[in-house]
Amino acid sequence: MDAKSLTHTDVVADLKRYEILFGNRDVDAIVRGFAEDADVFYAGVGRVHGKAALKALLERRFANLRDYRLSKKLEVLGPDRFASSWTAAWRDATTGAEMEGFGIEILEVRDGLFTAWRASFSAWPKTASTEVTP
């Protein structure tokens, strides 16, 4: 996160930037936005602490994603944190199945860096009746 203050305009712009970073699977650029002591609790993965652990978590997640597409939406904005939702679509690298998902995240910010990331995510095989457009 580059913004020193959490304004609606800055957060929405950063969410768009992170859509691109995640879509490009640019782990190094994603991790640069986090504090050294960042605390991350991600979906079914559990809790990790620090940039190195976050980098390893993201590399494991991205290893099985192909053609990852993501759309984030700001849901709630506070003085030092915000919540957003996202939809995603990708192809599973192991099975070739087209997948979709929906997530909610809460991010805490200090001095322009993420200090905490709490995320919940659900994924399912894409079917005509469940199509999600990222």
N, C-alpha and C. Protein backbone atom coordinates (compact mmCIF):
# COMPACT_ATOMS: atom_id res chain seq x y z
N MET A 1 0.86 -1.17 0.00
CA MET A 1 0.00 0.00 0.00
C MET A 1 0.89 1.22 0.00
N ASP A 2 0.63 2.15 -0.87
CA ASP A 2 1.45 3.33 -0.96
C ASP A 2 0.87 4.52 -0.22
N ALA A 3 -0.41 4.48 0.07
CA ALA A 3 -1.08 5.63 0.68
C ALA A 3 -0.68 5.78 2.14
N LYS A 4 -0.37 7.00 2.55
CA LYS A 4 -0.08 7.28 3.95
C LYS A 4 -1.37 7.45 4.74
N SER A 5 -2.45 7.82 4.07
CA SER A 5 -3.75 7.93 4.74
C SER A 5 -4.74 7.06 4.00
N LEU A 6 -5.71 6.58 4.71
CA LEU A 6 -6.70 5.70 4.11
C LEU A 6 -7.89 6.53 3.63
N THR A 7 -7.74 7.12 2.46
CA THR A 7 -8.87 7.81 1.85
C THR A 7 -9.56 6.84 0.90
N HIS A 8 -10.82 7.08 0.65
CA HIS A 8 -11.57 6.22 -0.26
C HIS A 8 -10.86 6.11 -1.61
N THR A 9 -10.45 7.23 -2.16
CA THR A 9 -9.79 7.26 -3.48
C THR A 9 -8.51 6.44 -3.47
N ASP A 10 -7.67 6.63 -2.43
CA ASP A 10 -6.40 5.91 -2.36
C ASP A 10 -6.60 4.41 -2.20
N VAL A 11 -7.52 4.01 -1.35
CA VAL A 11 -7.75 2.58 -1.11
C VAL A 11 -8.30 1.91 -2.37
N VAL A 12 -9.25 2.53 -3.04
CA VAL A 12 -9.80 1.95 -4.27
C VAL A 12 -8.69 1.82 -5.32
N ALA A 13 -7.83 2.83 -5.44
CA ALA A 13 -6.71 2.76 -6.39
C ALA A 13 -5.75 1.63 -6.02
N ASP A 14 -5.46 1.48 -4.73
CA ASP A 14 -4.57 0.40 -4.32
C ASP A 14 -5.20 -0.97 -4.55
N LEU A 15 -6.50 -1.10 -4.33
CA LEU A 15 -7.15 -2.38 -4.61
C LEU A 15 -7.02 -2.73 -6.09
N LYS A 16 -7.18 -1.75 -6.96
CA LYS A 16 -7.01 -1.99 -8.41
C LYS A 16 -5.57 -2.41 -8.71
N ARG A 17 -4.60 -1.76 -8.05
CA ARG A 17 -3.20 -2.12 -8.26
C ARG A 17 -2.94 -3.54 -7.80
N TYR A 18 -3.53 -3.93 -6.66
CA TYR A 18 -3.33 -5.29 -6.17
C TYR A 18 -4.05 -6.32 -7.04
N GLU A 19 -5.12 -5.96 -7.70
CA GLU A 19 -5.74 -6.87 -8.68
C GLU A 19 -4.71 -7.24 -9.74
N ILE A 20 -3.98 -6.24 -10.22
CA ILE A 20 -2.96 -6.47 -11.25
C ILE A 20 -1.82 -7.30 -10.69
N LEU A 21 -1.33 -6.95 -9.51
CA LEU A 21 -0.21 -7.69 -8.91
C LEU A 21 -0.57 -9.16 -8.69
N PHE A 22 -1.77 -9.42 -8.16
CA PHE A 22 -2.20 -10.80 -7.96
C PHE A 22 -2.40 -11.50 -9.30
N GLY A 23 -2.99 -10.80 -10.26
CA GLY A 23 -3.18 -11.39 -11.59
C GLY A 23 -1.87 -11.77 -12.26
N ASN A 24 -0.84 -10.98 -12.01
CA ASN A 24 0.50 -11.27 -12.55
C ASN A 24 1.30 -12.21 -11.65
N ARG A 25 0.71 -12.57 -10.52
CA ARG A 25 1.38 -13.43 -9.54
C ARG A 25 2.73 -12.85 -9.12
N ASP A 26 2.77 -11.54 -8.93
CA ASP A 26 3.99 -10.82 -8.59
C ASP A 26 4.16 -10.81 -7.06
N VAL A 27 4.64 -11.92 -6.55
CA VAL A 27 4.75 -12.12 -5.11
C VAL A 27 5.64 -11.05 -4.47
N ASP A 28 6.77 -10.74 -5.09
CA ASP A 28 7.68 -9.76 -4.48
C ASP A 28 7.01 -8.40 -4.34
N ALA A 29 6.30 -7.95 -5.36
CA ALA A 29 5.62 -6.65 -5.28
C ALA A 29 4.49 -6.67 -4.26
N ILE A 30 3.77 -7.78 -4.16
CA ILE A 30 2.70 -7.90 -3.16
C ILE A 30 3.29 -7.79 -1.76
N VAL A 31 4.34 -8.54 -1.50
CA VAL A 31 4.94 -8.59 -0.16
C VAL A 31 5.56 -7.25 0.22
N ARG A 32 6.04 -6.48 -0.75
CA ARG A 32 6.62 -5.15 -0.44
C ARG A 32 5.61 -4.25 0.26
N GLY A 33 4.31 -4.47 0.06
CA GLY A 33 3.29 -3.65 0.70
C GLY A 33 3.03 -3.99 2.15
N PHE A 34 3.73 -4.98 2.69
CA PHE A 34 3.50 -5.44 4.05
C PHE A 34 4.66 -5.06 4.97
N ALA A 35 4.34 -4.80 6.22
CA ALA A 35 5.36 -4.52 7.24
C ALA A 35 6.16 -5.80 7.51
N GLU A 36 7.39 -5.63 7.99
CA GLU A 36 8.24 -6.79 8.30
C GLU A 36 7.58 -7.74 9.30
N ASP A 37 6.82 -7.18 10.23
CA ASP A 37 6.19 -8.00 11.26
C ASP A 37 4.71 -8.27 10.99
N ALA A 38 4.32 -8.24 9.73
CA ALA A 38 2.91 -8.44 9.37
C ALA A 38 2.38 -9.76 9.91
N ASP A 39 1.14 -9.70 10.37
CA ASP A 39 0.45 -10.87 10.90
C ASP A 39 -0.65 -11.23 9.90
N VAL A 40 -0.61 -12.44 9.36
CA VAL A 40 -1.53 -12.85 8.31
C VAL A 40 -2.28 -14.10 8.76
N PHE A 41 -3.59 -14.05 8.62
CA PHE A 41 -4.44 -15.20 8.90
C PHE A 41 -5.28 -15.40 7.64
N TYR A 42 -4.88 -16.36 6.80
CA TYR A 42 -5.46 -16.50 5.48
C TYR A 42 -6.26 -17.79 5.34
N ALA A 43 -7.56 -17.63 5.17
CA ALA A 43 -8.48 -18.72 4.84
C ALA A 43 -8.12 -20.00 5.58
N GLY A 44 -8.05 -21.12 4.88
CA GLY A 44 -7.77 -22.41 5.50
C GLY A 44 -6.31 -22.66 5.76
N VAL A 45 -5.45 -21.70 5.47
CA VAL A 45 -4.01 -21.88 5.63
C VAL A 45 -3.58 -21.73 7.08
N GLY A 46 -4.22 -20.84 7.79
CA GLY A 46 -3.83 -20.57 9.17
C GLY A 46 -3.04 -19.28 9.27
N ARG A 47 -2.39 -19.09 10.39
CA ARG A 47 -1.68 -17.85 10.68
C ARG A 47 -0.20 -17.97 10.30
N VAL A 48 0.30 -16.90 9.66
CA VAL A 48 1.73 -16.78 9.40
C VAL A 48 2.16 -15.40 9.87
N HIS A 49 3.44 -15.28 10.18
CA HIS A 49 3.95 -14.02 10.72
C HIS A 49 5.20 -13.61 9.96
N GLY A 50 5.21 -12.38 9.45
CA GLY A 50 6.38 -11.83 8.78
C GLY A 50 6.34 -12.00 7.27
N LYS A 51 7.19 -11.19 6.61
CA LYS A 51 7.22 -11.16 5.15
C LYS A 51 7.67 -12.48 4.53
N ALA A 52 8.66 -13.13 5.11
CA ALA A 52 9.16 -14.38 4.53
C ALA A 52 8.07 -15.45 4.53
N ALA A 53 7.34 -15.54 5.63
CA ALA A 53 6.25 -16.52 5.71
C ALA A 53 5.12 -16.17 4.75
N LEU A 54 4.82 -14.88 4.61
CA LEU A 54 3.79 -14.45 3.67
C LEU A 54 4.21 -14.78 2.25
N LYS A 55 5.46 -14.53 1.92
CA LYS A 55 5.96 -14.84 0.57
C LYS A 55 5.81 -16.33 0.29
N ALA A 56 6.18 -17.17 1.22
CA ALA A 56 6.06 -18.62 1.04
C ALA A 56 4.60 -19.02 0.86
N LEU A 57 3.70 -18.43 1.65
CA LEU A 57 2.27 -18.72 1.53
C LEU A 57 1.76 -18.37 0.13
N LEU A 58 2.10 -17.18 -0.35
CA LEU A 58 1.64 -16.75 -1.68
C LEU A 58 2.23 -17.62 -2.79
N GLU A 59 3.49 -17.97 -2.68
CA GLU A 59 4.11 -18.83 -3.70
C GLU A 59 3.42 -20.19 -3.76
N ARG A 60 3.06 -20.74 -2.60
CA ARG A 60 2.34 -22.03 -2.58
C ARG A 60 0.97 -21.88 -3.25
N ARG A 61 0.26 -20.80 -2.91
CA ARG A 61 -1.08 -20.59 -3.50
C ARG A 61 -0.99 -20.40 -5.01
N PHE A 62 -0.08 -19.59 -5.46
CA PHE A 62 0.02 -19.30 -6.90
C PHE A 62 0.53 -20.49 -7.71
N ALA A 63 1.21 -21.44 -7.09
CA ALA A 63 1.78 -22.58 -7.82
C ALA A 63 0.70 -23.38 -8.54
N ASN A 64 -0.51 -23.37 -8.04
CA ASN A 64 -1.57 -24.19 -8.63
C ASN A 64 -2.60 -23.36 -9.40
N LEU A 65 -2.34 -22.08 -9.60
CA LEU A 65 -3.29 -21.21 -10.31
C LEU A 65 -2.77 -20.84 -11.68
N ARG A 66 -3.61 -20.96 -12.68
CA ARG A 66 -3.28 -20.51 -14.04
C ARG A 66 -4.37 -19.54 -14.48
N ASP A 67 -3.97 -18.54 -15.24
CA ASP A 67 -4.93 -17.56 -15.78
C ASP A 67 -5.77 -16.92 -14.67
N TYR A 68 -5.13 -16.52 -13.60
CA TYR A 68 -5.82 -15.97 -12.43
C TYR A 68 -6.37 -14.59 -12.74
N ARG A 69 -7.66 -14.40 -12.49
CA ARG A 69 -8.34 -13.12 -12.70
C ARG A 69 -9.04 -12.74 -11.41
N LEU A 70 -8.92 -11.47 -11.04
CA LEU A 70 -9.35 -11.03 -9.73
C LEU A 70 -10.02 -9.67 -9.83
N SER A 71 -11.06 -9.48 -9.04
CA SER A 71 -11.73 -8.18 -8.93
C SER A 71 -12.00 -7.90 -7.45
N LYS A 72 -11.49 -6.76 -6.95
CA LYS A 72 -11.65 -6.39 -5.54
C LYS A 72 -12.61 -5.21 -5.43
N LYS A 73 -13.37 -5.19 -4.32
CA LYS A 73 -14.33 -4.11 -4.07
C LYS A 73 -14.21 -3.66 -2.62
N LEU A 74 -14.02 -2.35 -2.43
CA LEU A 74 -13.98 -1.80 -1.08
C LEU A 74 -15.36 -1.92 -0.45
N GLU A 75 -15.41 -2.47 0.75
CA GLU A 75 -16.68 -2.65 1.46
C GLU A 75 -16.82 -1.71 2.65
N VAL A 76 -15.75 -1.57 3.45
CA VAL A 76 -15.78 -0.75 4.67
C VAL A 76 -14.43 -0.06 4.81
N LEU A 77 -14.45 1.22 5.22
CA LEU A 77 -13.22 1.97 5.38
C LEU A 77 -13.20 2.63 6.75
N GLY A 78 -12.11 2.41 7.49
CA GLY A 78 -11.95 3.03 8.80
C GLY A 78 -10.65 3.80 8.84
N PRO A 79 -10.32 4.39 9.99
CA PRO A 79 -9.12 5.22 10.08
C PRO A 79 -7.81 4.45 9.86
N ASP A 80 -7.74 3.20 10.29
CA ASP A 80 -6.49 2.44 10.14
C ASP A 80 -6.70 1.05 9.57
N ARG A 81 -7.88 0.80 9.01
CA ARG A 81 -8.15 -0.51 8.41
C ARG A 81 -9.29 -0.38 7.41
N PHE A 82 -9.39 -1.39 6.58
CA PHE A 82 -10.50 -1.45 5.64
C PHE A 82 -10.84 -2.91 5.37
N ALA A 83 -12.03 -3.11 4.85
CA ALA A 83 -12.47 -4.45 4.44
C ALA A 83 -12.83 -4.38 2.97
N SER A 84 -12.48 -5.42 2.27
CA SER A 84 -12.87 -5.51 0.87
C SER A 84 -13.31 -6.94 0.57
N SER A 85 -14.03 -7.08 -0.53
CA SER A 85 -14.43 -8.40 -1.01
C SER A 85 -13.75 -8.59 -2.36
N TRP A 86 -13.66 -9.86 -2.77
CA TRP A 86 -13.13 -10.10 -4.10
C TRP A 86 -13.75 -11.35 -4.71
N THR A 87 -13.80 -11.33 -6.03
CA THR A 87 -14.18 -12.50 -6.80
C THR A 87 -12.96 -12.89 -7.64
N ALA A 88 -12.83 -14.16 -7.91
CA ALA A 88 -11.67 -14.65 -8.65
C ALA A 88 -12.09 -15.80 -9.55
N ALA A 89 -11.34 -15.96 -10.62
CA ALA A 89 -11.52 -17.09 -11.53
C ALA A 89 -10.13 -17.53 -11.98
N TRP A 90 -9.93 -18.84 -12.18
CA TRP A 90 -8.65 -19.38 -12.60
C TRP A 90 -8.83 -20.80 -13.08
N ARG A 91 -7.75 -21.34 -13.62
CA ARG A 91 -7.72 -22.74 -14.02
C ARG A 91 -6.76 -23.45 -13.07
N ASP A 92 -7.21 -24.57 -12.50
CA ASP A 92 -6.40 -25.36 -11.60
C ASP A 92 -5.28 -26.01 -12.41
N ALA A 93 -4.04 -25.79 -12.01
CA ALA A 93 -2.89 -26.30 -12.77
C ALA A 93 -2.79 -27.82 -12.73
N THR A 94 -3.30 -28.45 -11.68
CA THR A 94 -3.21 -29.90 -11.55
C THR A 94 -4.29 -30.61 -12.35
N THR A 95 -5.55 -30.18 -12.18
CA THR A 95 -6.67 -30.87 -12.80
C THR A 95 -7.14 -30.24 -14.12
N GLY A 96 -6.77 -28.97 -14.34
CA GLY A 96 -7.26 -28.26 -15.52
C GLY A 96 -8.66 -27.70 -15.35
N ALA A 97 -9.28 -27.92 -14.18
CA ALA A 97 -10.65 -27.46 -13.94
C ALA A 97 -10.70 -25.94 -13.86
N GLU A 98 -11.75 -25.38 -14.43
CA GLU A 98 -12.02 -23.95 -14.29
C GLU A 98 -12.64 -23.75 -12.91
N MET A 99 -12.11 -22.78 -12.17
CA MET A 99 -12.53 -22.54 -10.79
C MET A 99 -12.97 -21.10 -10.60
N GLU A 100 -13.76 -20.90 -9.55
CA GLU A 100 -14.20 -19.56 -9.16
C GLU A 100 -14.13 -19.46 -7.65
N GLY A 101 -14.14 -18.22 -7.16
CA GLY A 101 -14.12 -18.05 -5.72
C GLY A 101 -14.57 -16.67 -5.30
N PHE A 102 -14.84 -16.56 -4.00
CA PHE A 102 -15.25 -15.31 -3.39
C PHE A 102 -14.56 -15.19 -2.04
N GLY A 103 -14.04 -13.98 -1.76
CA GLY A 103 -13.35 -13.78 -0.50
C GLY A 103 -13.68 -12.45 0.15
N ILE A 104 -13.42 -12.40 1.43
CA ILE A 104 -13.55 -11.19 2.24
C ILE A 104 -12.23 -11.01 2.97
N GLU A 105 -11.74 -9.78 3.05
CA GLU A 105 -10.49 -9.52 3.74
C GLU A 105 -10.59 -8.24 4.56
N ILE A 106 -9.87 -8.23 5.67
CA ILE A 106 -9.70 -7.05 6.50
C ILE A 106 -8.21 -6.79 6.58
N LEU A 107 -7.80 -5.57 6.24
CA LEU A 107 -6.39 -5.19 6.26
C LEU A 107 -6.19 -4.01 7.19
N GLU A 108 -5.19 -4.12 8.06
CA GLU A 108 -4.81 -3.02 8.94
C GLU A 108 -3.56 -2.37 8.37
N VAL A 109 -3.51 -1.04 8.47
CA VAL A 109 -2.42 -0.28 7.85
C VAL A 109 -1.76 0.62 8.89
N ARG A 110 -0.42 0.64 8.86
CA ARG A 110 0.36 1.55 9.69
C ARG A 110 1.52 2.07 8.84
N ASP A 111 1.67 3.39 8.80
CA ASP A 111 2.76 4.02 8.05
C ASP A 111 2.80 3.55 6.59
N GLY A 112 1.62 3.38 5.99
CA GLY A 112 1.55 3.03 4.58
C GLY A 112 1.79 1.57 4.26
N LEU A 113 1.92 0.71 5.27
CA LEU A 113 2.15 -0.72 5.05
C LEU A 113 1.07 -1.54 5.74
N PHE A 114 0.78 -2.69 5.18
CA PHE A 114 -0.17 -3.61 5.82
C PHE A 114 0.52 -4.27 7.02
N THR A 115 -0.14 -4.21 8.16
CA THR A 115 0.40 -4.85 9.36
C THR A 115 -0.36 -6.11 9.73
N ALA A 116 -1.60 -6.21 9.25
CA ALA A 116 -2.40 -7.41 9.50
C ALA A 116 -3.32 -7.63 8.30
N TRP A 117 -3.47 -8.90 7.94
CA TRP A 117 -4.35 -9.29 6.82
C TRP A 117 -5.13 -10.50 7.30
N ARG A 118 -6.43 -10.35 7.38
CA ARG A 118 -7.34 -11.44 7.74
C ARG A 118 -8.20 -11.72 6.52
N ALA A 119 -8.19 -12.94 6.03
CA ALA A 119 -8.93 -13.24 4.82
C ALA A 119 -9.64 -14.59 4.93
N SER A 120 -10.83 -14.62 4.37
CA SER A 120 -11.59 -15.85 4.24
C SER A 120 -11.92 -16.01 2.77
N PHE A 121 -11.83 -17.23 2.26
CA PHE A 121 -12.01 -17.45 0.83
C PHE A 121 -12.70 -18.79 0.60
N SER A 122 -13.67 -18.79 -0.29
CA SER A 122 -14.35 -20.02 -0.71
C SER A 122 -14.15 -20.20 -2.19
N ALA A 123 -13.91 -21.43 -2.62
CA ALA A 123 -13.70 -21.73 -4.04
C ALA A 123 -14.54 -22.92 -4.45
N TRP A 124 -14.88 -23.00 -5.75
CA TRP A 124 -15.69 -24.08 -6.27
C TRP A 124 -15.44 -24.21 -7.77
N PRO A 125 -15.73 -25.38 -8.35
CA PRO A 125 -15.61 -25.55 -9.79
C PRO A 125 -16.63 -24.68 -10.52
N LYS A 126 -16.20 -24.07 -11.59
CA LYS A 126 -17.09 -23.21 -12.36
C LYS A 126 -18.11 -24.05 -13.11
N THR A 127 -19.36 -23.62 -13.01
CA THR A 127 -20.44 -24.21 -13.80
C THR A 127 -21.25 -23.06 -14.37
N ALA A 128 -22.08 -23.35 -15.32
CA ALA A 128 -22.89 -22.30 -15.93
C ALA A 128 -23.76 -21.60 -14.90
N SER A 129 -24.21 -22.31 -13.87
CA SER A 129 -25.11 -21.71 -12.89
C SER A 129 -24.39 -20.92 -11.81
N THR A 130 -23.05 -21.05 -11.70
CA THR A 130 -22.33 -20.33 -10.65
C THR A 130 -21.36 -19.31 -11.20
N GLU A 131 -21.45 -18.98 -12.44
CA GLU A 131 -20.47 -18.11 -13.06
C GLU A 131 -20.31 -16.78 -12.31
N VAL A 132 -19.06 -16.49 -11.94
CA VAL A 132 -18.70 -15.25 -11.27
C VAL A 132 -17.83 -14.47 -12.22
N THR A 133 -18.12 -13.21 -12.41
CA THR A 133 -17.31 -12.38 -13.29
C THR A 133 -16.39 -11.51 -12.47
N PRO A 134 -15.07 -11.80 -12.52
CA PRO A 134 -14.14 -10.96 -11.77
C PRO A 134 -13.97 -9.59 -12.41
